[in-house]
Amino acid sequence: MQTFQQTCANFINKAQYINGYTHQQTAQALQLPLGTVKSRIKAALKILKSKVI
């Protein structure tokens, strides 16, 4: 079973967020609601930030 952190990291990779896709494009590609995409990206970035600092 994946941890929430692993799930968020995987989501960032799948979302191709780092490749310059908008939240809307990511939501359409993954067939997820826009709000879900935004909240998962925010959570993942928060986790990444805590790992870097």
C-alpha atoms as a PDB file:
ATOM      1  CA  MET A   1       0.000   0.000   0.000  1.00  0.00           C
ATOM      2  CA  GLN A   2       1.355   3.398  -0.971  1.00  0.00           C
ATOM      3  CA  THR A   3       1.722   6.230   1.477  1.00  0.00           C
ATOM      4  CA  PHE A   4       0.054   9.552   0.782  1.00  0.00           C
ATOM      5  CA  GLN A   5       3.482  11.003  -0.068  1.00  0.00           C
ATOM      6  CA  GLN A   6       4.150   8.280  -2.651  1.00  0.00           C
ATOM      7  CA  THR A   7       0.694   8.797  -4.116  1.00  0.00           C
ATOM      8  CA  CYS A   8       1.312  12.527  -4.484  1.00  0.00           C
ATOM      9  CA  ALA A   9       4.733  11.999  -6.040  1.00  0.00           C
ATOM     10  CA  ASN A  10       3.283   9.531  -8.529  1.00  0.00           C
ATOM     11  CA  PHE A  11       0.494  11.966  -9.293  1.00  0.00           C
ATOM     12  CA  ILE A  12       2.957  14.740 -10.095  1.00  0.00           C
ATOM     13  CA  ASN A  13       4.759  12.418 -12.504  1.00  0.00           C
ATOM     14  CA  LYS A  14       1.552  11.258 -14.167  1.00  0.00           C
ATOM     15  CA  ALA A  15       0.127  14.751 -14.280  1.00  0.00           C
ATOM     16  CA  GLN A  16       3.129  15.946 -16.243  1.00  0.00           C
ATOM     17  CA  TYR A  17       2.815  19.107 -14.214  1.00  0.00           C
ATOM     18  CA  ILE A  18       6.529  19.693 -14.527  1.00  0.00           C
ATOM     19  CA  ASN A  19       6.227  19.681 -18.324  1.00  0.00           C
ATOM     20  CA  GLY A  20       4.171  22.834 -18.387  1.00  0.00           C
ATOM     21  CA  TYR A  21       0.640  21.462 -18.657  1.00  0.00           C
ATOM     22  CA  THR A  22      -2.092  23.587 -17.145  1.00  0.00           C
ATOM     23  CA  HIS A  23      -4.255  22.239 -14.356  1.00  0.00           C
ATOM     24  CA  GLN A  24      -7.144  22.012 -16.805  1.00  0.00           C
ATOM     25  CA  GLN A  25      -5.092  20.030 -19.346  1.00  0.00           C
ATOM     26  CA  THR A  26      -3.922  17.688 -16.616  1.00  0.00           C
ATOM     27  CA  ALA A  27      -7.483  17.157 -15.383  1.00  0.00           C
ATOM     28  CA  GLN A  28      -8.673  16.331 -18.890  1.00  0.00           C
ATOM     29  CA  ALA A  29      -5.768  13.964 -19.572  1.00  0.00           C
ATOM     30  CA  LEU A  30      -6.264  12.076 -16.306  1.00  0.00           C
ATOM     31  CA  GLN A  31     -10.065  12.286 -16.428  1.00  0.00           C
ATOM     32  CA  LEU A  32     -10.220  13.828 -12.965  1.00  0.00           C
ATOM     33  CA  PRO A  33     -12.113  16.827 -11.647  1.00  0.00           C
ATOM     34  CA  LEU A  34     -10.132  20.065 -11.775  1.00  0.00           C
ATOM     35  CA  GLY A  35     -10.414  20.517  -8.012  1.00  0.00           C
ATOM     36  CA  THR A  36      -8.873  17.089  -7.404  1.00  0.00           C
ATOM     37  CA  VAL A  37      -5.941  17.902  -9.659  1.00  0.00           C
ATOM     38  CA  LYS A  38      -5.340  21.215  -7.921  1.00  0.00           C
ATOM     39  CA  SER A  39      -5.498  19.749  -4.419  1.00  0.00           C
ATOM     40  CA  ARG A  40      -3.203  16.830  -5.272  1.00  0.00           C
ATOM     41  CA  ILE A  41      -0.652  19.090  -6.919  1.00  0.00           C
ATOM     42  CA  LYS A  42      -0.739  21.455  -3.944  1.00  0.00           C
ATOM     43  CA  ALA A  43      -0.260  18.543  -1.531  1.00  0.00           C
ATOM     44  CA  ALA A  44       2.575  17.073  -3.585  1.00  0.00           C
ATOM     45  CA  LEU A  45       4.387  20.394  -3.866  1.00  0.00           C
ATOM     46  CA  LYS A  46       4.058  20.899  -0.111  1.00  0.00           C
ATOM     47  CA  ILE A  47       5.632  17.482   0.484  1.00  0.00           C
ATOM     48  CA  LEU A  48       8.431  18.191  -1.982  1.00  0.00           C
ATOM     49  CA  LYS A  49       9.102  21.556  -0.371  1.00  0.00           C
ATOM     50  CA  SER A  50       9.397  19.977   3.059  1.00  0.00           C
ATOM     51  CA  LYS A  51      11.921  17.487   1.674  1.00  0.00           C
ATOM     52  CA  VAL A  52      14.076  20.181   0.079  1.00  0.00           C
ATOM     53  CA  ILE A  53      14.204  22.622   2.976  1.00  0.00           C
END
